[in-house]
PDB file of N, CA and C in Angstrom:
ATOM      1  N   MET A   1     124.254 142.356 159.718  1.00  0.00           N
ATOM      2  CA  MET A   1     124.976 141.009 160.281  1.00  0.00           C
ATOM      3  C   MET A   1     126.338 141.462 160.350  1.00  0.00           C
ATOM      4  N   MET A   2     126.957 140.870 161.605  1.00  0.00           N
ATOM      5  CA  MET A   2     128.634 140.778 161.926  1.00  0.00           C
ATOM      6  C   MET A   2     129.339 139.511 161.654  1.00  0.00           C
ATOM      7  N   TYR A   3     130.245 140.348 161.142  1.00  0.00           N
ATOM      8  CA  TYR A   3     131.125 139.107 160.734  1.00  0.00           C
ATOM      9  C   TYR A   3     132.296 138.863 161.380  1.00  0.00           C
ATOM     10  N   ASP A   4     132.522 137.591 162.008  1.00  0.00           N
ATOM     11  CA  ASP A   4     134.067 137.122 162.847  1.00  0.00           C
ATOM     12  C   ASP A   4     134.925 137.365 161.482  1.00  0.00           C
ATOM     13  N   ASP A   5     136.157 136.721 162.368  1.00  0.00           N
ATOM     14  CA  ASP A   5     137.403 136.694 161.560  1.00  0.00           C
ATOM     15  C   ASP A   5     137.305 135.430 160.800  1.00  0.00           C
ATOM     16  N   ILE A   6     136.760 134.219 161.470  1.00  0.00           N
ATOM     17  CA  ILE A   6     136.168 133.152 160.705  1.00  0.00           C
ATOM     18  C   ILE A   6     135.525 132.954 159.245  1.00  0.00           C
ATOM     19  N   GLU A   7     134.702 133.727 159.855  1.00  0.00           N
ATOM     20  CA  GLU A   7     133.645 133.832 158.639  1.00  0.00           C
ATOM     21  C   GLU A   7     134.359 134.797 157.382  1.00  0.00           C
ATOM     22  N   VAL A   8     134.775 135.746 157.940  1.00  0.00           N
ATOM     23  CA  VAL A   8     135.694 136.513 156.423  1.00  0.00           C
ATOM     24  C   VAL A   8     136.467 135.976 156.086  1.00  0.00           C
ATOM     25  N   ALA A   9     137.670 135.147 156.924  1.00  0.00           N
ATOM     26  CA  ALA A   9     138.533 134.404 155.926  1.00  0.00           C
ATOM     27  C   ALA A   9     138.006 133.143 155.360  1.00  0.00           C
ATOM     28  N   ALA A  10     136.665 132.363 155.420  1.00  0.00           N
ATOM     29  CA  ALA A  10     136.056 131.257 154.682  1.00  0.00           C
ATOM     30  C   ALA A  10     135.870 132.281 153.607  1.00  0.00           C
ATOM     31  N   LEU A  11     134.992 133.123 153.634  1.00  0.00           N
ATOM     32  CA  LEU A  11     134.571 134.232 152.469  1.00  0.00           C
ATOM     33  C   LEU A  11     135.497 134.119 151.384  1.00  0.00           C
ATOM     34  N   GLY A  12     136.775 134.597 152.210  1.00  0.00           N
ATOM     35  CA  GLY A  12     138.174 135.168 151.532  1.00  0.00           C
ATOM     36  C   GLY A  12     138.695 133.604 150.801  1.00  0.00           C
ATOM     37  N   ARG A  13     138.412 132.466 151.118  1.00  0.00           N
ATOM     38  CA  ARG A  13     138.816 131.471 150.261  1.00  0.00           C
ATOM     39  C   ARG A  13     138.061 131.169 149.405  1.00  0.00           C
ATOM     40  N   ARG A  14     136.730 131.401 149.758  1.00  0.00           N
ATOM     41  CA  ARG A  14     135.500 130.787 148.624  1.00  0.00           C
ATOM     42  C   ARG A  14     135.851 131.811 147.512  1.00  0.00           C
ATOM     43  N   ALA A  15     136.440 133.071 147.729  1.00  0.00           N
ATOM     44  CA  ALA A  15     136.308 134.152 146.684  1.00  0.00           C
ATOM     45  C   ALA A  15     137.360 133.561 146.040  1.00  0.00           C
ATOM     46  N   GLY A  16     138.919 133.115 146.603  1.00  0.00           N
ATOM     47  CA  GLY A  16     140.118 132.825 146.031  1.00  0.00           C
ATOM     48  C   GLY A  16     139.774 131.667 145.028  1.00  0.00           C
ATOM     49  N   ASP A  17     138.730 130.617 145.616  1.00  0.00           N
ATOM     50  CA  ASP A  17     138.951 129.687 144.931  1.00  0.00           C
ATOM     51  C   ASP A  17     137.616 129.671 143.810  1.00  0.00           C
ATOM     52  N   ALA A  18     136.554 130.634 143.542  1.00  0.00           N
ATOM     53  CA  ALA A  18     136.264 130.818 142.722  1.00  0.00           C
ATOM     54  C   ALA A  18     136.957 131.952 141.408  1.00  0.00           C
ATOM     55  N   PHE A  19     137.985 132.853 141.859  1.00  0.00           N
ATOM     56  CA  PHE A  19     138.740 133.436 140.949  1.00  0.00           C
ATOM     57  C   PHE A  19     139.136 132.058 140.299  1.00  0.00           C
ATOM     58  N   ASP A  20     140.142 131.132 141.081  1.00  0.00           N
ATOM     59  CA  ASP A  20     140.976 130.156 140.753  1.00  0.00           C
ATOM     60  C   ASP A  20     140.007 129.313 139.346  1.00  0.00           C
ATOM     61  N   ALA A  21     138.850 129.430 139.779  1.00  0.00           N
ATOM     62  CA  ALA A  21     137.964 128.360 139.141  1.00  0.00           C
ATOM     63  C   ALA A  21     137.963 128.964 137.627  1.00  0.00           C
ATOM     64  N   HIS A  22     137.788 130.612 137.813  1.00  0.00           N
ATOM     65  CA  HIS A  22     137.430 131.177 136.672  1.00  0.00           C
ATOM     66  C   HIS A  22     138.712 131.193 135.709  1.00  0.00           C
ATOM     67  N   MET A  23     139.970 131.619 136.360  1.00  0.00           N
ATOM     68  CA  MET A  23     140.711 131.461 135.339  1.00  0.00           C
ATOM     69  C   MET A  23     141.482 130.304 134.947  1.00  0.00           C
ATOM     70  N   ASP A  24     141.069 129.373 135.443  1.00  0.00           N
ATOM     71  CA  ASP A  24     141.336 127.820 134.686  1.00  0.00           C
ATOM     72  C   ASP A  24     140.772 127.680 133.681  1.00  0.00           C
ATOM     73  N   THR A  25     139.611 128.228 133.546  1.00  0.00           N
ATOM     74  CA  THR A  25     138.972 128.428 132.099  1.00  0.00           C
ATOM     75  C   THR A  25     139.911 129.160 131.011  1.00  0.00           C
ATOM     76  N   PHE A  26     140.537 130.076 130.980  1.00  0.00           N
ATOM     77  CA  PHE A  26     141.392 130.945 130.384  1.00  0.00           C
ATOM     78  C   PHE A  26     142.453 129.810 130.117  1.00  0.00           C
ATOM     79  N   THR A  27     143.219 129.012 130.996  1.00  0.00           N
ATOM     80  CA  THR A  27     144.016 128.056 130.526  1.00  0.00           C
ATOM     81  C   THR A  27     143.317 127.128 129.642  1.00  0.00           C
ATOM     82  N   CYS A  28     142.407 126.314 130.109  1.00  0.00           N
ATOM     83  CA  CYS A  28     141.621 125.412 129.039  1.00  0.00           C
ATOM     84  C   CYS A  28     141.901 126.178 127.493  1.00  0.00           C
ATOM     85  N   GLY A  29     141.155 127.325 127.654  1.00  0.00           N
ATOM     86  CA  GLY A  29     140.715 127.733 126.210  1.00  0.00           C
ATOM     87  C   GLY A  29     142.063 128.150 125.318  1.00  0.00           C
ATOM     88  N   GLU A  30     143.186 128.425 126.246  1.00  0.00           N
ATOM     89  CA  GLU A  30     144.341 128.516 125.572  1.00  0.00           C
ATOM     90  C   GLU A  30     144.918 127.108 124.805  1.00  0.00           C
ATOM     91  N   VAL A  31     144.505 126.236 125.650  1.00  0.00           N
ATOM     92  CA  VAL A  31     144.664 124.546 125.392  1.00  0.00           C
ATOM     93  C   VAL A  31     143.834 124.217 124.070  1.00  0.00           C
ATOM     94  N   LEU A  32     143.007 124.353 124.416  1.00  0.00           N
ATOM     95  CA  LEU A  32     141.663 124.193 122.799  1.00  0.00           C
ATOM     96  C   LEU A  32     142.245 125.147 122.070  1.00  0.00           C
ATOM     97  N   HIS A  33     142.582 126.061 122.068  1.00  0.00           N
ATOM     98  CA  HIS A  33     142.945 127.184 120.780  1.00  0.00           C
ATOM     99  C   HIS A  33     144.693 126.656 120.149  1.00  0.00           C
ATOM    100  N   ASP A  34     145.255 126.122 120.977  1.00  0.00           N
ATOM    101  CA  ASP A  34     146.543 125.602 120.418  1.00  0.00           C
ATOM    102  C   ASP A  34     145.646 124.359 119.381  1.00  0.00           C
ATOM    103  N   MET A  35     144.919 123.581 120.000  1.00  0.00           N
ATOM    104  CA  MET A  35     144.909 122.383 119.664  1.00  0.00           C
ATOM    105  C   MET A  35     144.058 122.404 118.011  1.00  0.00           C
ATOM    106  N   TYR A  36     143.302 123.766 118.067  1.00  0.00           N
ATOM    107  CA  TYR A  36     142.552 124.355 116.964  1.00  0.00           C
ATOM    108  C   TYR A  36     143.580 124.398 115.655  1.00  0.00           C
ATOM    109  N   MET A  37     144.419 125.394 116.121  1.00  0.00           N
ATOM    110  CA  MET A  37     145.343 125.743 115.297  1.00  0.00           C
ATOM    111  C   MET A  37     146.175 124.734 114.595  1.00  0.00           C
ATOM    112  N   GLU A  38     146.444 123.588 115.439  1.00  0.00           N
ATOM    113  CA  GLU A  38     146.865 121.970 114.941  1.00  0.00           C
ATOM    114  C   GLU A  38     146.596 121.823 113.643  1.00  0.00           C
ATOM    115  N   ILE A  39     145.134 121.576 114.098  1.00  0.00           N
ATOM    116  CA  ILE A  39     144.403 120.602 112.755  1.00  0.00           C
ATOM    117  C   ILE A  39     143.844 121.658 111.860  1.00  0.00           C
ATOM    118  N   ILE A  40     143.698 123.121 112.097  1.00  0.00           N
ATOM    119  CA  ILE A  40     142.840 124.032 111.278  1.00  0.00           C
ATOM    120  C   ILE A  40     143.392 123.059 109.886  1.00  0.00           C
ATOM    121  N   GLY A  41     142.048 123.146 109.225  1.00  0.00           N
ATOM    122  CA  GLY A  41     142.584 122.621 107.659  1.00  0.00           C
ATOM    123  C   GLY A  41     142.745 121.472 107.176  1.00  0.00           C
ATOM    124  N   THR A  42     142.660 120.514 108.232  1.00  0.00           N
ATOM    125  CA  THR A  42     143.076 118.969 107.824  1.00  0.00           C
ATOM    126  C   THR A  42     142.320 118.242 108.833  1.00  0.00           C
ATOM    127  N   ASP A  43     141.488 118.819 109.549  1.00  0.00           N
ATOM    128  CA  ASP A  43     140.485 117.969 110.553  1.00  0.00           C
ATOM    129  C   ASP A  43     139.193 118.433 110.636  1.00  0.00           C
ATOM    130  N   PRO A  44     138.437 118.355 110.000  1.00  0.00           N
ATOM    131  CA  PRO A  44     137.021 119.184 109.973  1.00  0.00           C
ATOM    132  C   PRO A  44     136.074 119.092 111.240  1.00  0.00           C
ATOM    133  N   ALA A  45     135.819 117.171 111.437  1.00  0.00           N
ATOM    134  CA  ALA A  45     135.564 116.797 112.358  1.00  0.00           C
ATOM    135  C   ALA A  45     135.945 117.431 113.796  1.00  0.00           C
ATOM    136  N   GLY A  46     137.296 117.527 113.511  1.00  0.00           N
ATOM    137  CA  GLY A  46     138.510 117.871 115.084  1.00  0.00           C
ATOM    138  C   GLY A  46     137.513 119.173 115.277  1.00  0.00           C
ATOM    139  N   ILE A  47     137.774 120.137 114.415  1.00  0.00           N
ATOM    140  CA  ILE A  47     137.692 121.438 114.223  1.00  0.00           C
ATOM    141  C   ILE A  47     136.294 121.724 114.627  1.00  0.00           C
ATOM    142  N   GLU A  48     134.702 120.986 114.379  1.00  0.00           N
ATOM    143  CA  GLU A  48     133.536 120.958 114.587  1.00  0.00           C
ATOM    144  C   GLU A  48     133.411 120.549 115.968  1.00  0.00           C
ATOM    145  N   ALA A  49     134.119 119.643 116.811  1.00  0.00           N
ATOM    146  CA  ALA A  49     134.643 119.068 118.151  1.00  0.00           C
ATOM    147  C   ALA A  49     134.914 120.160 118.915  1.00  0.00           C
ATOM    148  N   LEU A  50     136.207 121.086 118.473  1.00  0.00           N
ATOM    149  CA  LEU A  50     136.801 122.080 119.402  1.00  0.00           C
ATOM    150  C   LEU A  50     135.936 123.434 119.182  1.00  0.00           C
ATOM    151  N   SER A  51     135.245 123.472 118.424  1.00  0.00           N
ATOM    152  CA  SER A  51     134.203 124.546 118.062  1.00  0.00           C
ATOM    153  C   SER A  51     133.310 124.598 119.355  1.00  0.00           C
ATOM    154  N   LEU A  52     132.556 123.361 119.155  1.00  0.00           N
ATOM    155  CA  LEU A  52     131.651 123.101 120.406  1.00  0.00           C
ATOM    156  C   LEU A  52     132.335 123.412 121.814  1.00  0.00           C
ATOM    157  N   SER A  53     133.083 122.456 121.698  1.00  0.00           N
ATOM    158  CA  SER A  53     134.289 122.775 123.337  1.00  0.00           C
ATOM    159  C   SER A  53     134.424 124.184 123.617  1.00  0.00           C
ATOM    160  N   LEU A  54     134.649 125.124 122.661  1.00  0.00           N
ATOM    161  CA  LEU A  54     134.918 126.708 122.857  1.00  0.00           C
ATOM    162  C   LEU A  54     133.799 127.250 123.473  1.00  0.00           C
ATOM    163  N   ALA A  55     132.720 127.034 122.583  1.00  0.00           N
ATOM    164  CA  ALA A  55     131.421 127.544 123.106  1.00  0.00           C
ATOM    165  C   ALA A  55     130.864 127.129 124.287  1.00  0.00           C
ATOM    166  N   LEU A  56     130.948 125.523 124.703  1.00  0.00           N
ATOM    167  CA  LEU A  56     130.815 125.357 125.884  1.00  0.00           C
ATOM    168  C   LEU A  56     131.494 126.160 127.089  1.00  0.00           C
ATOM    169  N   LEU A  57     132.808 126.497 126.708  1.00  0.00           N
ATOM    170  CA  LEU A  57     133.895 126.886 127.722  1.00  0.00           C
ATOM    171  C   LEU A  57     133.550 128.322 127.686  1.00  0.00           C
ATOM    172  N   SER A  58     133.454 128.951 126.862  1.00  0.00           N
ATOM    173  CA  SER A  58     132.745 130.330 126.829  1.00  0.00           C
ATOM    174  C   SER A  58     131.402 130.534 127.771  1.00  0.00           C
ATOM    175  N   ALA A  59     130.596 129.786 127.858  1.00  0.00           N
ATOM    176  CA  ALA A  59     129.561 129.660 128.640  1.00  0.00           C
ATOM    177  C   ALA A  59     130.039 129.613 130.178  1.00  0.00           C
ATOM    178  N   ARG A  60     130.723 128.644 130.351  1.00  0.00           N
ATOM    179  CA  ARG A  60     131.470 128.083 131.610  1.00  0.00           C
ATOM    180  C   ARG A  60     131.814 129.445 132.189  1.00  0.00           C
ATOM    181  N   GLN A  61     132.813 130.454 131.305  1.00  0.00           N
ATOM    182  CA  GLN A  61     133.654 131.737 131.652  1.00  0.00           C
ATOM    183  C   GLN A  61     132.703 132.659 132.267  1.00  0.00           C
ATOM    184  N   VAL A  62     131.547 132.769 131.582  1.00  0.00           N
ATOM    185  CA  VAL A  62     130.211 133.333 132.187  1.00  0.00           C
ATOM    186  C   VAL A  62     130.115 133.312 133.285  1.00  0.00           C
ATOM    187  N   ARG A  63     129.864 131.993 133.455  1.00  0.00           N
ATOM    188  CA  ARG A  63     129.091 131.549 134.750  1.00  0.00           C
ATOM    189  C   ARG A  63     130.344 131.701 136.004  1.00  0.00           C
ATOM    190  N   THR A  64     131.524 131.336 135.797  1.00  0.00           N
ATOM    191  CA  THR A  64     132.633 131.468 136.650  1.00  0.00           C
ATOM    192  C   THR A  64     132.679 132.939 136.910  1.00  0.00           C
ATOM    193  N   ARG A  65     133.092 133.617 136.127  1.00  0.00           N
ATOM    194  CA  ARG A  65     133.021 135.052 136.246  1.00  0.00           C
ATOM    195  C   ARG A  65     132.227 135.496 137.019  1.00  0.00           C
ATOM    196  N   ALA A  66     130.636 135.383 136.853  1.00  0.00           N
ATOM    197  CA  ALA A  66     129.770 135.630 137.762  1.00  0.00           C
ATOM    198  C   ALA A  66     130.006 135.161 139.158  1.00  0.00           C
ATOM    199  N   ALA A  67     130.308 134.203 139.416  1.00  0.00           N
ATOM    200  CA  ALA A  67     130.449 133.381 141.089  1.00  0.00           C
ATOM    201  C   ALA A  67     131.428 133.747 141.632  1.00  0.00           C
ATOM    202  N   TRP A  68     132.296 134.473 140.731  1.00  0.00           N
ATOM    203  CA  TRP A  68     134.016 134.918 141.356  1.00  0.00           C
ATOM    204  C   TRP A  68     133.310 136.206 141.870  1.00  0.00           C
ATOM    205  N   ILE A  69     132.780 137.222 140.952  1.00  0.00           N
ATOM    206  CA  ILE A  69     132.425 138.812 141.640  1.00  0.00           C
ATOM    207  C   ILE A  69     131.473 138.569 142.810  1.00  0.00           C
ATOM    208  N   GLU A  70     130.610 137.344 142.814  1.00  0.00           N
ATOM    209  CA  GLU A  70     129.732 137.243 143.914  1.00  0.00           C
ATOM    210  C   GLU A  70     130.682 137.088 145.249  1.00  0.00           C
ATOM    211  N   ALA A  71     131.301 135.979 145.308  1.00  0.00           N
ATOM    212  CA  ALA A  71     131.860 135.842 146.223  1.00  0.00           C
ATOM    213  C   ALA A  71     132.761 136.798 146.633  1.00  0.00           C
ATOM    214  N   GLN A  72     133.447 137.463 145.901  1.00  0.00           N
ATOM    215  CA  GLN A  72     134.345 138.392 145.898  1.00  0.00           C
ATOM    216  C   GLN A  72     133.815 139.468 146.503  1.00  0.00           C
ATOM    217  N   ASP A  73     132.392 139.842 146.107  1.00  0.00           N
ATOM    218  CA  ASP A  73     131.875 141.222 146.593  1.00  0.00           C
ATOM    219  C   ASP A  73     131.057 140.634 148.237  1.00  0.00           C
ATOM    220  N   GLU A  74     130.766 139.588 148.160  1.00  0.00           N
ATOM    221  CA  GLU A  74     130.408 139.321 149.649  1.00  0.00           C
ATOM    222  C   GLU A  74     131.516 139.184 150.657  1.00  0.00           C
ATOM    223  N   TRP A  75     132.735 138.534 150.365  1.00  0.00           N
ATOM    224  CA  TRP A  75     134.179 138.628 151.131  1.00  0.00           C
ATOM    225  C   TRP A  75     134.227 140.445 151.454  1.00  0.00           C
ATOM    226  N   LEU A  76     134.447 141.179 150.574  1.00  0.00           N
ATOM    227  CA  LEU A  76     134.343 142.372 150.449  1.00  0.00           C
ATOM    228  C   LEU A  76     133.503 143.162 151.697  1.00  0.00           C
ATOM    229  N   PHE A  77     132.421 142.792 151.110  1.00  0.00           N
ATOM    230  CA  PHE A  77     131.233 143.275 152.422  1.00  0.00           C
ATOM    231  C   PHE A  77     131.611 143.197 153.828  1.00  0.00           C
ATOM    232  N   ALA A  78     131.775 141.484 153.915  1.00  0.00           N
ATOM    233  CA  ALA A  78     132.317 141.112 155.086  1.00  0.00           C
ATOM    234  C   ALA A  78     133.833 141.484 155.854  1.00  0.00           C
ATOM    235  N   SER A  79     134.041 142.016 154.983  1.00  0.00           N
ATOM    236  CA  SER A  79     135.558 142.550 155.347  1.00  0.00           C
ATOM    237  C   SER A  79     135.466 144.039 156.019  1.00  0.00           C
ATOM    238  N   ALA A  80     134.643 144.695 155.172  1.00  0.00           N
ATOM    239  CA  ALA A  80     134.452 146.059 155.413  1.00  0.00           C
ATOM    240  C   ALA A  80     133.498 146.339 156.783  1.00  0.00           C
ATOM    241  N   MET A  81     132.628 145.179 156.819  1.00  0.00           N
ATOM    242  CA  MET A  81     131.908 144.871 158.349  1.00  0.00           C
ATOM    243  C   MET A  81     132.788 144.905 159.771  1.00  0.00           C
ATOM    244  N   ALA A  82     133.412 143.613 159.355  1.00  0.00           N
ATOM    245  CA  ALA A  82     134.759 143.303 160.135  1.00  0.00           C
ATOM    246  C   ALA A  82     135.576 144.433 160.726  1.00  0.00           C
ATOM    247  N   CYS A  83     136.033 145.154 159.476  1.00  0.00           N
ATOM    248  CA  CYS A  83     136.919 146.332 159.909  1.00  0.00           C
ATOM    249  C   CYS A  83     135.966 147.599 160.675  1.00  0.00           C
ATOM    250  N   ASP A  84     134.968 147.663 160.007  1.00  0.00           N
ATOM    251  CA  ASP A  84     134.173 148.993 160.807  1.00  0.00           C
ATOM    252  C   ASP A  84     133.696 148.772 162.061  1.00  0.00           C
ATOM    253  N   SER A  85     133.287 147.569 162.107  1.00  0.00           N
ATOM    254  CA  SER A  85     132.665 146.803 163.627  1.00  0.00           C
ATOM    255  C   SER A  85     134.205 146.975 164.938  1.00  0.00           C
ATOM    256  N   ASP A  86     135.211 146.474 164.454  1.00  0.00           N
ATOM    257  CA  ASP A  86     136.187 146.662 165.256  1.00  0.00           C
ATOM    258  C   ASP A  86     136.552 148.221 165.610  1.00  0.00           C
ATOM    259  N   LEU A  87     136.126 149.463 164.890  1.00  0.00           N
ATOM    260  CA  LEU A  87     136.586 150.429 165.209  1.00  0.00           C
ATOM    261  C   LEU A  87     135.768 150.948 166.310  1.00  0.00           C
ATOM    262  N   TYR A  88     134.850 150.754 166.399  1.00  0.00           N
ATOM    263  CA  TYR A  88     133.736 151.188 167.793  1.00  0.00           C
ATOM    264  C   TYR A  88     133.703 150.102 168.681  1.00  0.00           C
ATOM    265  N   ASP A  89     134.442 149.210 169.038  1.00  0.00           N
ATOM    266  CA  ASP A  89     134.307 148.149 169.816  1.00  0.00           C
ATOM    267  C   ASP A  89     134.072 148.806 171.445  1.00  0.00           C
ATOM    268  N   ASP A  90     134.701 149.588 172.076  1.00  0.00           N
ATOM    269  CA  ASP A  90     134.248 150.570 172.776  1.00  0.00           C
ATOM    270  C   ASP A  90     133.191 151.731 172.529  1.00  0.00           C
ATOM    271  N   GLU A  91     132.078 151.602 172.847  1.00  0.00           N
ATOM    272  CA  GLU A  91     131.363 152.797 172.427  1.00  0.00           C
ATOM    273  C   GLU A  91     131.348 154.083 173.371  1.00  0.00           C
ATOM    274  N   GLU A  92     131.878 153.696 174.431  1.00  0.00           N
ATOM    275  CA  GLU A  92     132.462 155.199 175.302  1.00  0.00           C
ATOM    276  C   GLU A  92     133.104 155.692 174.985  1.00  0.00           C
ATOM    277  N   ASP A  93     134.283 155.104 174.140  1.00  0.00           N
ATOM    278  CA  ASP A  93     135.367 156.123 173.273  1.00  0.00           C
ATOM    279  C   ASP A  93     134.816 156.733 172.213  1.00  0.00           C
ATOM    280  N   HIS A  94     133.954 156.017 171.476  1.00  0.00           N
ATOM    281  CA  HIS A  94     133.386 156.653 170.218  1.00  0.00           C
ATOM    282  C   HIS A  94     132.553 157.626 170.619  1.00  0.00           C
ATOM    283  N   HIS A  95     131.773 157.890 171.727  1.00  0.00           N
ATOM    284  CA  HIS A  95     130.883 159.082 172.056  1.00  0.00           C
ATOM    285  C   HIS A  95     131.607 160.092 172.593  1.00  0.00           C
ATOM    286  N   GLN A  96     132.948 159.736 173.116  1.00  0.00           N
ATOM    287  CA  GLN A  96     133.667 160.693 173.753  1.00  0.00           C
ATOM    288  C   GLN A  96     134.281 162.331 172.807  1.00  0.00           C
TER     289      GLN A  96
END
């Protein structure tokens, strides 16, 4: 399959969006960790709630990382195909 510039750009944006979504999970994790540290030893119910939130966030990180890697691989594959196909646009030049 050959990819045109518009498709490669769209795949690049998709990979960028997937990366941003994955990195957002780390920002969220930092906030939850800070909250956890503020209430440790003083609010058992809060610690339990934050522990559950951190577990759910960890599962989301696994999913967003997989989505980012898949999107990035698609984009890199399409980019290479677009570059490689440009090398031989003129078949006569290629065979000489």
